[in-house]
């Protein structure tokens, strides 16, 4: 049966307009993105098959172009459309961060860093540069490494901080292993950076580690240097 023959309250698009996007399942949201199904399958049926094939919504959204285009009913046009949607989400979060005190918006900061770093296959060290009101000035990815780590140079961090005229920073990096627990090296690096930044009167407000399902905060763990 085609989706157009379903009761209106059960059609994904109508259900979204009636009850909100949060009420829809992953398959229903994906069906709206797909718009149409294929021979013998409605868009919802196709969406369910794709979620099984890729192992869930997140692996599908984070798939490379080559892997994504292998999916039934998908292709380069859908891949381009998806990348545009994901980029709009990132820019929306970035704009939201620029309008508020980040210390009062830890959930938003976690969401933003997760969209930026969670899918990375190698370690990336990034910084949120903040003004005196703790609003976002810029997000920069400064150092790139391997699966095991990235070399971070305090002098380059200081230079970037001065270039942005930042009053404080939130450090961030991902763990490609998916486990956000800080290593001894992570803790020592934070201490080294804080000592370097103290010389230019700039504070580190937090250091966040992005894993698969969690973003760990040094501040909440009491791991920031005094």
C-alpha atoms as a PDB file:
ATOM      1  CA  UNK A   1       0.000   0.000   0.000  1.00  0.00           C
ATOM      2  CA  UNK A   2       1.365   3.436  -0.927  1.00  0.00           C
ATOM      3  CA  UNK A   3       1.867   5.964   1.865  1.00  0.00           C
ATOM      4  CA  UNK A   4      -0.747   8.196   0.245  1.00  0.00           C
ATOM      5  CA  UNK A   5      -3.301   5.472   1.009  1.00  0.00           C
ATOM      6  CA  UNK A   6      -2.445   5.403   4.716  1.00  0.00           C
ATOM      7  CA  UNK A   7      -4.608   7.215   7.285  1.00  0.00           C
ATOM      8  CA  UNK A   8      -3.456  10.837   7.447  1.00  0.00           C
ATOM      9  CA  UNK A   9      -2.305  10.541  11.094  1.00  0.00           C
ATOM     10  CA  UNK A  10       0.059   7.707  10.133  1.00  0.00           C
ATOM     11  CA  UNK A  11       1.759   9.390   7.174  1.00  0.00           C
ATOM     12  CA  UNK A  12       5.212  10.626   8.257  1.00  0.00           C
ATOM     13  CA  UNK A  13       4.873  14.128   6.827  1.00  0.00           C
ATOM     14  CA  UNK A  14       1.401  14.713   8.208  1.00  0.00           C
ATOM     15  CA  UNK A  15       2.384  13.150  11.538  1.00  0.00           C
ATOM     16  CA  UNK A  16       5.358  15.533  11.794  1.00  0.00           C
ATOM     17  CA  UNK A  17       3.177  18.568  11.136  1.00  0.00           C
ATOM     18  CA  UNK A  18       0.594  17.366  13.640  1.00  0.00           C
ATOM     19  CA  UNK A  19       2.772  16.157  16.522  1.00  0.00           C
ATOM     20  CA  UNK A  20       6.292  17.510  15.849  1.00  0.00           C
ATOM     21  CA  UNK A  21       9.447  15.907  14.480  1.00  0.00           C
ATOM     22  CA  UNK A  22      10.462  14.463  17.846  1.00  0.00           C
ATOM     23  CA  UNK A  23       7.425  12.135  17.747  1.00  0.00           C
ATOM     24  CA  UNK A  24       8.641  10.358  14.608  1.00  0.00           C
ATOM     25  CA  UNK A  25      10.743   7.212  14.509  1.00  0.00           C
ATOM     26  CA  UNK A  26      14.111   7.115  12.738  1.00  0.00           C
ATOM     27  CA  UNK A  27      12.455   5.295   9.831  1.00  0.00           C
ATOM     28  CA  UNK A  28       9.714   7.905   9.530  1.00  0.00           C
ATOM     29  CA  UNK A  29      12.196  10.788   9.554  1.00  0.00           C
ATOM     30  CA  UNK A  30      14.328   9.054   6.947  1.00  0.00           C
ATOM     31  CA  UNK A  31      11.236   8.379   4.820  1.00  0.00           C
ATOM     32  CA  UNK A  32      10.491  12.104   4.690  1.00  0.00           C
ATOM     33  CA  UNK A  33      14.051  12.705   3.534  1.00  0.00           C
ATOM     34  CA  UNK A  34      13.774   9.970   0.871  1.00  0.00           C
ATOM     35  CA  UNK A  35      10.342  11.260  -0.270  1.00  0.00           C
ATOM     36  CA  UNK A  36       9.609   8.198  -2.409  1.00  0.00           C
ATOM     37  CA  UNK A  37      10.157   4.467  -2.153  1.00  0.00           C
ATOM     38  CA  UNK A  38      11.022   2.014  -4.888  1.00  0.00           C
ATOM     39  CA  UNK A  39       9.350  -0.886  -6.680  1.00  0.00           C
ATOM     40  CA  UNK A  40       7.242  -2.775  -4.166  1.00  0.00           C
ATOM     41  CA  UNK A  41       8.333  -0.642  -1.182  1.00  0.00           C
ATOM     42  CA  UNK A  42       6.958   2.499   0.360  1.00  0.00           C
ATOM     43  CA  UNK A  43       9.392   5.190   1.515  1.00  0.00           C
ATOM     44  CA  UNK A  44       8.971   3.934   5.101  1.00  0.00           C
ATOM     45  CA  UNK A  45       9.709   0.326   4.092  1.00  0.00           C
ATOM     46  CA  UNK A  46      12.793   1.474   2.201  1.00  0.00           C
ATOM     47  CA  UNK A  47      13.894   3.571   5.172  1.00  0.00           C
ATOM     48  CA  UNK A  48      13.582   0.577   7.509  1.00  0.00           C
ATOM     49  CA  UNK A  49      15.671  -1.563   5.150  1.00  0.00           C
ATOM     50  CA  UNK A  50      18.352   1.133   4.956  1.00  0.00           C
ATOM     51  CA  UNK A  51      18.538   1.441   8.740  1.00  0.00           C
ATOM     52  CA  UNK A  52      19.085  -2.307   9.017  1.00  0.00           C
ATOM     53  CA  UNK A  53      21.701  -2.280   6.236  1.00  0.00           C
ATOM     54  CA  UNK A  54      23.725   0.575   7.746  1.00  0.00           C
ATOM     55  CA  UNK A  55      23.172  -0.364  11.367  1.00  0.00           C
ATOM     56  CA  UNK A  56      21.138   2.679  12.343  1.00  0.00           C
ATOM     57  CA  UNK A  57      20.502   6.298  11.487  1.00  0.00           C
ATOM     58  CA  UNK A  58      23.840   7.707  12.649  1.00  0.00           C
ATOM     59  CA  UNK A  59      26.045   5.326  10.606  1.00  0.00           C
ATOM     60  CA  UNK A  60      23.922   6.173   7.570  1.00  0.00           C
ATOM     61  CA  UNK A  61      24.263   9.927   8.106  1.00  0.00           C
ATOM     62  CA  UNK A  62      28.023   9.630   8.689  1.00  0.00           C
ATOM     63  CA  UNK A  63      28.705   7.282   5.759  1.00  0.00           C
ATOM     64  CA  UNK A  64      31.203   8.297   3.096  1.00  0.00           C
ATOM     65  CA  UNK A  65      29.818   9.252  -0.291  1.00  0.00           C
ATOM     66  CA  UNK A  66      30.876   5.893  -1.721  1.00  0.00           C
ATOM     67  CA  UNK A  67      29.228   3.884   1.051  1.00  0.00           C
ATOM     68  CA  UNK A  68      26.124   6.082   1.110  1.00  0.00           C
ATOM     69  CA  UNK A  69      25.518   5.751  -2.626  1.00  0.00           C
ATOM     70  CA  UNK A  70      25.544   1.966  -2.395  1.00  0.00           C
ATOM     71  CA  UNK A  71      22.225   2.066  -0.546  1.00  0.00           C
ATOM     72  CA  UNK A  72      19.038   1.247  -2.401  1.00  0.00           C
ATOM     73  CA  UNK A  73      17.209   4.390  -3.428  1.00  0.00           C
ATOM     74  CA  UNK A  74      20.230   6.570  -2.655  1.00  0.00           C
ATOM     75  CA  UNK A  75      22.717   8.309  -4.944  1.00  0.00           C
ATOM     76  CA  UNK A  76      24.841  11.411  -5.401  1.00  0.00           C
ATOM     77  CA  UNK A  77      21.844  13.758  -5.428  1.00  0.00           C
ATOM     78  CA  UNK A  78      20.614  12.390  -2.085  1.00  0.00           C
ATOM     79  CA  UNK A  79      24.149  12.512  -0.694  1.00  0.00           C
ATOM     80  CA  UNK A  80      24.483  16.174  -1.672  1.00  0.00           C
ATOM     81  CA  UNK A  81      21.084  16.912  -0.158  1.00  0.00           C
ATOM     82  CA  UNK A  82      22.072  15.179   3.079  1.00  0.00           C
ATOM     83  CA  UNK A  83      25.357  17.090   3.344  1.00  0.00           C
ATOM     84  CA  UNK A  84      23.467  20.353   2.901  1.00  0.00           C
ATOM     85  CA  UNK A  85      21.059  19.407   5.701  1.00  0.00           C
ATOM     86  CA  UNK A  86      23.913  18.437   8.033  1.00  0.00           C
ATOM     87  CA  UNK A  87      25.802  21.656   7.297  1.00  0.00           C
ATOM     88  CA  UNK A  88      22.694  23.735   7.987  1.00  0.00           C
ATOM     89  CA  UNK A  89      22.379  22.000  11.350  1.00  0.00           C
ATOM     90  CA  UNK A  90      26.004  22.833  12.190  1.00  0.00           C
ATOM     91  CA  UNK A  91      25.549  26.473  11.208  1.00  0.00           C
ATOM     92  CA  UNK A  92      22.342  26.726  13.230  1.00  0.00           C
ATOM     93  CA  UNK A  93      24.150  25.440  16.329  1.00  0.00           C
ATOM     94  CA  UNK A  94      27.065  27.805  15.694  1.00  0.00           C
ATOM     95  CA  UNK A  95      24.723  30.795  15.407  1.00  0.00           C
ATOM     96  CA  UNK A  96      22.995  29.746  18.626  1.00  0.00           C
ATOM     97  CA  UNK A  97      26.343  29.608  20.450  1.00  0.00           C
ATOM     98  CA  UNK A  98      27.237  33.119  19.310  1.00  0.00           C
ATOM     99  CA  UNK A  99      24.113  34.504  20.970  1.00  0.00           C
ATOM    100  CA  UNK A 100      24.504  33.158  24.494  1.00  0.00           C
ATOM    101  CA  UNK A 101      26.826  32.573  27.439  1.00  0.00           C
ATOM    102  CA  UNK A 102      28.357  29.165  26.776  1.00  0.00           C
ATOM    103  CA  UNK A 103      28.833  28.486  30.479  1.00  0.00           C
ATOM    104  CA  UNK A 104      25.042  28.455  30.813  1.00  0.00           C
ATOM    105  CA  UNK A 105      24.564  26.254  27.726  1.00  0.00           C
ATOM    106  CA  UNK A 106      26.624  23.069  28.307  1.00  0.00           C
ATOM    107  CA  UNK A 107      24.153  20.875  26.424  1.00  0.00           C
ATOM    108  CA  UNK A 108      24.332  23.093  23.341  1.00  0.00           C
ATOM    109  CA  UNK A 109      28.143  23.085  23.467  1.00  0.00           C
ATOM    110  CA  UNK A 110      28.139  19.281  23.670  1.00  0.00           C
ATOM    111  CA  UNK A 111      25.775  19.029  20.700  1.00  0.00           C
ATOM    112  CA  UNK A 112      27.893  21.378  18.623  1.00  0.00           C
ATOM    113  CA  UNK A 113      31.176  19.635  19.371  1.00  0.00           C
ATOM    114  CA  UNK A 114      29.587  16.263  18.747  1.00  0.00           C
ATOM    115  CA  UNK A 115      28.388  17.285  15.272  1.00  0.00           C
ATOM    116  CA  UNK A 116      31.873  18.565  14.486  1.00  0.00           C
ATOM    117  CA  UNK A 117      34.073  15.831  15.899  1.00  0.00           C
ATOM    118  CA  UNK A 118      32.213  12.594  16.564  1.00  0.00           C
ATOM    119  CA  UNK A 119      32.449  11.264  13.003  1.00  0.00           C
ATOM    120  CA  UNK A 120      36.175  11.988  12.599  1.00  0.00           C
ATOM    121  CA  UNK A 121      38.270   8.891  11.917  1.00  0.00           C
ATOM    122  CA  UNK A 122      41.446  10.474  13.313  1.00  0.00           C
ATOM    123  CA  UNK A 123      42.047  12.602  16.372  1.00  0.00           C
ATOM    124  CA  UNK A 124      41.287  16.285  15.877  1.00  0.00           C
ATOM    125  CA  UNK A 125      42.152  19.000  18.403  1.00  0.00           C
ATOM    126  CA  UNK A 126      39.838  22.019  18.220  1.00  0.00           C
ATOM    127  CA  UNK A 127      39.194  25.179  20.208  1.00  0.00           C
ATOM    128  CA  UNK A 128      36.145  27.314  20.871  1.00  0.00           C
ATOM    129  CA  UNK A 129      37.383  30.904  21.236  1.00  0.00           C
ATOM    130  CA  UNK A 130      35.163  33.026  23.489  1.00  0.00           C
ATOM    131  CA  UNK A 131      34.784  36.720  24.196  1.00  0.00           C
ATOM    132  CA  UNK A 132      34.564  38.311  27.649  1.00  0.00           C
ATOM    133  CA  UNK A 133      30.845  37.434  27.802  1.00  0.00           C
ATOM    134  CA  UNK A 134      31.603  33.750  27.087  1.00  0.00           C
ATOM    135  CA  UNK A 135      30.050  33.980  23.618  1.00  0.00           C
ATOM    136  CA  UNK A 136      31.541  32.147  20.672  1.00  0.00           C
ATOM    137  CA  UNK A 137      33.992  34.104  18.520  1.00  0.00           C
ATOM    138  CA  UNK A 138      35.249  31.220  16.420  1.00  0.00           C
ATOM    139  CA  UNK A 139      35.677  27.473  16.190  1.00  0.00           C
ATOM    140  CA  UNK A 140      39.019  26.292  14.811  1.00  0.00           C
ATOM    141  CA  UNK A 141      40.420  22.818  14.243  1.00  0.00           C
ATOM    142  CA  UNK A 142      44.114  23.415  14.877  1.00  0.00           C
ATOM    143  CA  UNK A 143      45.777  20.009  14.956  1.00  0.00           C
ATOM    144  CA  UNK A 144      45.147  16.679  13.255  1.00  0.00           C
ATOM    145  CA  UNK A 145      46.599  13.360  14.250  1.00  0.00           C
ATOM    146  CA  UNK A 146      46.108   9.639  13.853  1.00  0.00           C
ATOM    147  CA  UNK A 147      43.845   7.095  15.487  1.00  0.00           C
ATOM    148  CA  UNK A 148      45.950   7.349  18.642  1.00  0.00           C
ATOM    149  CA  UNK A 149      46.532  11.056  19.110  1.00  0.00           C
ATOM    150  CA  UNK A 150      47.480  14.469  17.776  1.00  0.00           C
ATOM    151  CA  UNK A 151      50.510  16.633  18.518  1.00  0.00           C
ATOM    152  CA  UNK A 152      49.424  19.935  20.055  1.00  0.00           C
ATOM    153  CA  UNK A 153      51.806  22.911  20.267  1.00  0.00           C
ATOM    154  CA  UNK A 154      51.122  25.514  22.988  1.00  0.00           C
ATOM    155  CA  UNK A 155      52.818  28.274  20.985  1.00  0.00           C
ATOM    156  CA  UNK A 156      50.333  27.783  18.118  1.00  0.00           C
ATOM    157  CA  UNK A 157      47.420  27.812  20.559  1.00  0.00           C
ATOM    158  CA  UNK A 158      48.645  31.107  22.021  1.00  0.00           C
ATOM    159  CA  UNK A 159      49.053  32.609  18.528  1.00  0.00           C
ATOM    160  CA  UNK A 160      45.521  31.604  17.526  1.00  0.00           C
ATOM    161  CA  UNK A 161      44.119  32.956  20.801  1.00  0.00           C
ATOM    162  CA  UNK A 162      45.750  36.348  20.234  1.00  0.00           C
ATOM    163  CA  UNK A 163      44.584  36.401  16.606  1.00  0.00           C
ATOM    164  CA  UNK A 164      40.970  35.955  17.721  1.00  0.00           C
ATOM    165  CA  UNK A 165      41.415  38.370  20.657  1.00  0.00           C
ATOM    166  CA  UNK A 166      39.783  35.706  22.831  1.00  0.00           C
ATOM    167  CA  UNK A 167      39.218  36.139  26.548  1.00  0.00           C
ATOM    168  CA  UNK A 168      38.819  32.422  27.282  1.00  0.00           C
ATOM    169  CA  UNK A 169      38.809  29.044  25.558  1.00  0.00           C
ATOM    170  CA  UNK A 170      37.057  25.711  25.537  1.00  0.00           C
ATOM    171  CA  UNK A 171      39.409  22.987  24.329  1.00  0.00           C
ATOM    172  CA  UNK A 172      38.031  19.936  22.565  1.00  0.00           C
ATOM    173  CA  UNK A 173      39.205  16.799  20.872  1.00  0.00           C
ATOM    174  CA  UNK A 174      37.721  13.478  19.846  1.00  0.00           C
ATOM    175  CA  UNK A 175      38.700   9.931  20.697  1.00  0.00           C
ATOM    176  CA  UNK A 176      38.245   7.820  17.541  1.00  0.00           C
ATOM    177  CA  UNK A 177      38.033   4.758  19.797  1.00  0.00           C
ATOM    178  CA  UNK A 178      34.658   6.106  20.909  1.00  0.00           C
ATOM    179  CA  UNK A 179      35.600   6.146  24.605  1.00  0.00           C
ATOM    180  CA  UNK A 180      35.827   9.705  25.995  1.00  0.00           C
ATOM    181  CA  UNK A 181      37.790   8.917  29.162  1.00  0.00           C
ATOM    182  CA  UNK A 182      40.788  11.284  29.438  1.00  0.00           C
ATOM    183  CA  UNK A 183      44.277   9.859  29.289  1.00  0.00           C
ATOM    184  CA  UNK A 184      47.184  11.012  31.427  1.00  0.00           C
ATOM    185  CA  UNK A 185      48.511  12.729  28.291  1.00  0.00           C
ATOM    186  CA  UNK A 186      45.211  14.648  27.921  1.00  0.00           C
ATOM    187  CA  UNK A 187      45.467  15.880  31.504  1.00  0.00           C
ATOM    188  CA  UNK A 188      49.143  16.875  31.147  1.00  0.00           C
ATOM    189  CA  UNK A 189      48.414  18.709  27.885  1.00  0.00           C
ATOM    190  CA  UNK A 190      45.617  20.719  29.499  1.00  0.00           C
ATOM    191  CA  UNK A 191      47.972  21.739  32.290  1.00  0.00           C
ATOM    192  CA  UNK A 192      50.681  22.791  29.780  1.00  0.00           C
ATOM    193  CA  UNK A 193      48.220  24.857  27.777  1.00  0.00           C
ATOM    194  CA  UNK A 194      46.828  26.546  30.881  1.00  0.00           C
ATOM    195  CA  UNK A 195      50.333  27.560  31.971  1.00  0.00           C
ATOM    196  CA  UNK A 196      51.069  29.004  28.521  1.00  0.00           C
ATOM    197  CA  UNK A 197      47.773  30.875  28.345  1.00  0.00           C
ATOM    198  CA  UNK A 198      48.166  32.304  31.844  1.00  0.00           C
ATOM    199  CA  UNK A 199      51.001  34.424  30.452  1.00  0.00           C
ATOM    200  CA  UNK A 200      48.496  36.260  28.232  1.00  0.00           C
ATOM    201  CA  UNK A 201      45.741  36.315  30.877  1.00  0.00           C
ATOM    202  CA  UNK A 202      43.448  33.830  29.099  1.00  0.00           C
ATOM    203  CA  UNK A 203      41.557  31.070  30.916  1.00  0.00           C
ATOM    204  CA  UNK A 204      40.613  27.573  29.854  1.00  0.00           C
ATOM    205  CA  UNK A 205      36.969  27.163  30.841  1.00  0.00           C
ATOM    206  CA  UNK A 206      36.763  23.481  29.902  1.00  0.00           C
ATOM    207  CA  UNK A 207      38.319  20.681  27.920  1.00  0.00           C
ATOM    208  CA  UNK A 208      35.789  18.360  26.310  1.00  0.00           C
ATOM    209  CA  UNK A 209      36.461  14.928  24.851  1.00  0.00           C
ATOM    210  CA  UNK A 210      34.021  13.697  22.226  1.00  0.00           C
ATOM    211  CA  UNK A 211      33.248   9.979  22.135  1.00  0.00           C
ATOM    212  CA  UNK A 212      30.625   7.993  20.294  1.00  0.00           C
ATOM    213  CA  UNK A 213      27.774   8.541  22.726  1.00  0.00           C
ATOM    214  CA  UNK A 214      29.153  10.950  25.310  1.00  0.00           C
ATOM    215  CA  UNK A 215      31.063  14.215  25.568  1.00  0.00           C
ATOM    216  CA  UNK A 216      33.174  14.291  28.704  1.00  0.00           C
ATOM    217  CA  UNK A 217      33.824  17.594  30.491  1.00  0.00           C
ATOM    218  CA  UNK A 218      37.044  18.217  32.409  1.00  0.00           C
ATOM    219  CA  UNK A 219      35.300  20.976  34.367  1.00  0.00           C
ATOM    220  CA  UNK A 220      32.560  18.637  35.551  1.00  0.00           C
ATOM    221  CA  UNK A 221      35.125  16.004  36.488  1.00  0.00           C
ATOM    222  CA  UNK A 222      37.233  18.511  38.436  1.00  0.00           C
ATOM    223  CA  UNK A 223      40.206  17.917  36.119  1.00  0.00           C
ATOM    224  CA  UNK A 224      40.987  21.497  35.106  1.00  0.00           C
ATOM    225  CA  UNK A 225      44.299  22.843  36.436  1.00  0.00           C
ATOM    226  CA  UNK A 226      43.970  25.548  39.143  1.00  0.00           C
END
